[in-house]
Amino acid sequence: MRTLMMALVLLPQLAFADAPNPQIDRLWRGKCGSCHGADGKAQTEQAKKMAIHDMTIPDWQKANSDAQIKAAISGGVKRTQAGVAQEMEPYKDKLRPDQIDGLIAYIRGLKK
């Protein structure tokens, strides 16, 4: 009986453990989705123009540490890669640290 009661208490928490945070999901769609795409696959017009990488593929996930992702979100991106200019505005003054951490977790959740 005690085990059953514990299971009933923990079941809702376990069911939603991997559920996306609605605030971070909204933040992603509002700040990041226009370039990176809602799904992170970089199939938007802007992503294609700037040759942005698909964040869902394992190679991209492996090649980019949380610290690197945090630096890109916080400090922005301004580089030329394969002859294509890639620019992203910095968000360090627009987002709280917990929001940036939430976006990193969101990006990690995009992997295939």
C-alpha atoms as a PDB file:
ATOM      1  CA  MET A   1       0.000   0.000   0.000  1.00  0.00           C
ATOM      2  CA  ARG A   2       2.791   2.422   0.896  1.00  0.00           C
ATOM      3  CA  THR A   3       4.564   1.701  -2.407  1.00  0.00           C
ATOM      4  CA  LEU A   4       1.356   2.309  -4.318  1.00  0.00           C
ATOM      5  CA  MET A   5       0.816   5.642  -2.584  1.00  0.00           C
ATOM      6  CA  MET A   6       4.375   6.747  -3.362  1.00  0.00           C
ATOM      7  CA  ALA A   7       3.931   5.749  -6.989  1.00  0.00           C
ATOM      8  CA  LEU A   8       0.743   7.794  -7.224  1.00  0.00           C
ATOM      9  CA  VAL A   9       2.503  10.808  -5.731  1.00  0.00           C
ATOM     10  CA  LEU A  10       5.575  10.556  -7.981  1.00  0.00           C
ATOM     11  CA  LEU A  11       3.840   9.531 -11.214  1.00  0.00           C
ATOM     12  CA  PRO A  12       2.799  13.067 -12.275  1.00  0.00           C
ATOM     13  CA  GLN A  13       6.319  14.355 -11.639  1.00  0.00           C
ATOM     14  CA  LEU A  14       7.866  11.552 -13.667  1.00  0.00           C
ATOM     15  CA  ALA A  15       5.382  11.975 -16.500  1.00  0.00           C
ATOM     16  CA  PHE A  16       6.339  15.626 -16.942  1.00  0.00           C
ATOM     17  CA  ALA A  17      10.056  15.398 -16.146  1.00  0.00           C
ATOM     18  CA  ASP A  18      10.981  15.765 -19.830  1.00  0.00           C
ATOM     19  CA  ALA A  19       8.150  18.126 -20.714  1.00  0.00           C
ATOM     20  CA  PRO A  20       9.370  21.422 -22.163  1.00  0.00           C
ATOM     21  CA  ASN A  21       9.194  24.508 -19.974  1.00  0.00           C
ATOM     22  CA  PRO A  22       6.461  26.661 -21.576  1.00  0.00           C
ATOM     23  CA  GLN A  23       8.300  29.908 -20.743  1.00  0.00           C
ATOM     24  CA  ILE A  24      11.538  28.695 -22.320  1.00  0.00           C
ATOM     25  CA  ASP A  25       9.632  27.304 -25.291  1.00  0.00           C
ATOM     26  CA  ARG A  26       8.040  30.737 -25.799  1.00  0.00           C
ATOM     27  CA  LEU A  27      11.434  32.399 -25.379  1.00  0.00           C
ATOM     28  CA  TRP A  28      12.984  30.046 -27.974  1.00  0.00           C
ATOM     29  CA  ARG A  29      10.219  30.738 -30.474  1.00  0.00           C
ATOM     30  CA  GLY A  30      10.378  34.494 -29.883  1.00  0.00           C
ATOM     31  CA  LYS A  31      14.140  35.035 -29.834  1.00  0.00           C
ATOM     32  CA  CYS A  32      15.711  32.058 -31.599  1.00  0.00           C
ATOM     33  CA  GLY A  33      13.138  30.338 -33.797  1.00  0.00           C
ATOM     34  CA  SER A  34      13.101  32.931 -36.576  1.00  0.00           C
ATOM     35  CA  CYS A  35      16.647  31.909 -37.529  1.00  0.00           C
ATOM     36  CA  HIS A  36      17.218  28.486 -35.979  1.00  0.00           C
ATOM     37  CA  GLY A  37      13.668  27.277 -36.637  1.00  0.00           C
ATOM     38  CA  ALA A  38      11.120  26.109 -34.081  1.00  0.00           C
ATOM     39  CA  ASP A  39      12.682  22.641 -34.264  1.00  0.00           C
ATOM     40  CA  GLY A  40      16.332  23.796 -34.332  1.00  0.00           C
ATOM     41  CA  LYS A  41      16.913  22.306 -37.786  1.00  0.00           C
ATOM     42  CA  ALA A  42      17.837  25.681 -39.340  1.00  0.00           C
ATOM     43  CA  GLN A  43      15.481  25.364 -42.283  1.00  0.00           C
ATOM     44  CA  THR A  44      14.336  28.986 -42.171  1.00  0.00           C
ATOM     45  CA  GLU A  45      15.138  31.469 -44.924  1.00  0.00           C
ATOM     46  CA  GLN A  46      17.492  33.370 -42.601  1.00  0.00           C
ATOM     47  CA  ALA A  47      19.272  30.177 -41.507  1.00  0.00           C
ATOM     48  CA  LYS A  48      19.853  29.137 -45.082  1.00  0.00           C
ATOM     49  CA  LYS A  49      21.168  32.604 -45.944  1.00  0.00           C
ATOM     50  CA  MET A  50      23.653  32.494 -43.040  1.00  0.00           C
ATOM     51  CA  ALA A  51      24.466  28.758 -43.333  1.00  0.00           C
ATOM     52  CA  ILE A  52      23.380  28.078 -39.743  1.00  0.00           C
ATOM     53  CA  HIS A  53      23.902  24.498 -38.585  1.00  0.00           C
ATOM     54  CA  ASP A  54      21.174  22.035 -37.650  1.00  0.00           C
ATOM     55  CA  MET A  55      21.277  21.859 -33.835  1.00  0.00           C
ATOM     56  CA  THR A  56      19.491  18.516 -33.747  1.00  0.00           C
ATOM     57  CA  ILE A  57      22.262  16.394 -35.225  1.00  0.00           C
ATOM     58  CA  PRO A  58      24.540  14.476 -32.850  1.00  0.00           C
ATOM     59  CA  ASP A  59      27.741  15.882 -34.409  1.00  0.00           C
ATOM     60  CA  TRP A  60      26.627  19.457 -33.703  1.00  0.00           C
ATOM     61  CA  GLN A  61      25.520  18.565 -30.179  1.00  0.00           C
ATOM     62  CA  LYS A  62      28.863  16.884 -29.509  1.00  0.00           C
ATOM     63  CA  ALA A  63      30.973  19.665 -31.047  1.00  0.00           C
ATOM     64  CA  ASN A  64      29.355  22.442 -28.995  1.00  0.00           C
ATOM     65  CA  SER A  65      29.747  22.480 -25.224  1.00  0.00           C
ATOM     66  CA  ASP A  66      27.264  24.155 -22.899  1.00  0.00           C
ATOM     67  CA  ALA A  67      29.887  26.839 -22.269  1.00  0.00           C
ATOM     68  CA  GLN A  68      30.212  27.522 -26.009  1.00  0.00           C
ATOM     69  CA  ILE A  69      26.450  27.730 -26.433  1.00  0.00           C
ATOM     70  CA  LYS A  70      26.211  30.046 -23.422  1.00  0.00           C
ATOM     71  CA  ALA A  71      28.939  32.282 -24.860  1.00  0.00           C
ATOM     72  CA  ALA A  72      27.109  32.495 -28.202  1.00  0.00           C
ATOM     73  CA  ILE A  73      23.788  33.367 -26.560  1.00  0.00           C
ATOM     74  CA  SER A  74      25.325  35.848 -24.117  1.00  0.00           C
ATOM     75  CA  GLY A  75      27.897  37.507 -26.341  1.00  0.00           C
ATOM     76  CA  GLY A  76      26.313  36.994 -29.720  1.00  0.00           C
ATOM     77  CA  VAL A  77      27.987  35.728 -32.858  1.00  0.00           C
ATOM     78  CA  LYS A  78      29.823  37.702 -35.507  1.00  0.00           C
ATOM     79  CA  ARG A  79      31.941  35.564 -37.784  1.00  0.00           C
ATOM     80  CA  THR A  80      32.452  34.434 -41.334  1.00  0.00           C
ATOM     81  CA  GLN A  81      32.269  30.714 -41.890  1.00  0.00           C
ATOM     82  CA  ALA A  82      32.820  29.133 -45.284  1.00  0.00           C
ATOM     83  CA  GLY A  83      32.596  32.601 -46.827  1.00  0.00           C
ATOM     84  CA  VAL A  84      29.221  33.337 -45.251  1.00  0.00           C
ATOM     85  CA  ALA A  85      28.649  36.039 -42.630  1.00  0.00           C
ATOM     86  CA  GLN A  86      26.942  34.712 -39.521  1.00  0.00           C
ATOM     87  CA  GLU A  87      25.633  37.244 -37.017  1.00  0.00           C
ATOM     88  CA  MET A  88      23.496  36.926 -33.915  1.00  0.00           C
ATOM     89  CA  GLU A  89      22.842  39.692 -31.433  1.00  0.00           C
ATOM     90  CA  PRO A  90      24.065  39.266 -27.847  1.00  0.00           C
ATOM     91  CA  TYR A  91      21.422  38.523 -25.229  1.00  0.00           C
ATOM     92  CA  LYS A  92      23.436  39.047 -22.032  1.00  0.00           C
ATOM     93  CA  ASP A  93      21.607  42.319 -21.333  1.00  0.00           C
ATOM     94  CA  LYS A  94      18.214  41.029 -22.491  1.00  0.00           C
ATOM     95  CA  LEU A  95      17.960  37.636 -20.778  1.00  0.00           C
ATOM     96  CA  ARG A  96      18.453  36.539 -17.191  1.00  0.00           C
ATOM     97  CA  PRO A  97      21.080  33.859 -16.490  1.00  0.00           C
ATOM     98  CA  ASP A  98      18.337  31.319 -15.711  1.00  0.00           C
ATOM     99  CA  GLN A  99      16.732  32.019 -19.094  1.00  0.00           C
ATOM    100  CA  ILE A 100      20.046  31.459 -20.870  1.00  0.00           C
ATOM    101  CA  ASP A 101      20.511  28.198 -18.941  1.00  0.00           C
ATOM    102  CA  GLY A 102      16.959  27.239 -19.920  1.00  0.00           C
ATOM    103  CA  LEU A 103      17.774  27.857 -23.584  1.00  0.00           C
ATOM    104  CA  ILE A 104      20.865  25.665 -23.305  1.00  0.00           C
ATOM    105  CA  ALA A 105      18.728  22.861 -21.849  1.00  0.00           C
ATOM    106  CA  TYR A 106      16.190  23.453 -24.630  1.00  0.00           C
ATOM    107  CA  ILE A 107      18.906  23.165 -27.278  1.00  0.00           C
ATOM    108  CA  ARG A 108      20.142  19.940 -25.698  1.00  0.00           C
ATOM    109  CA  GLY A 109      16.597  18.628 -25.877  1.00  0.00           C
ATOM    110  CA  LEU A 110      16.519  19.194 -29.647  1.00  0.00           C
ATOM    111  CA  LYS A 111      18.918  16.343 -30.361  1.00  0.00           C
ATOM    112  CA  LYS A 112      17.610  13.503 -32.482  1.00  0.00           C
END
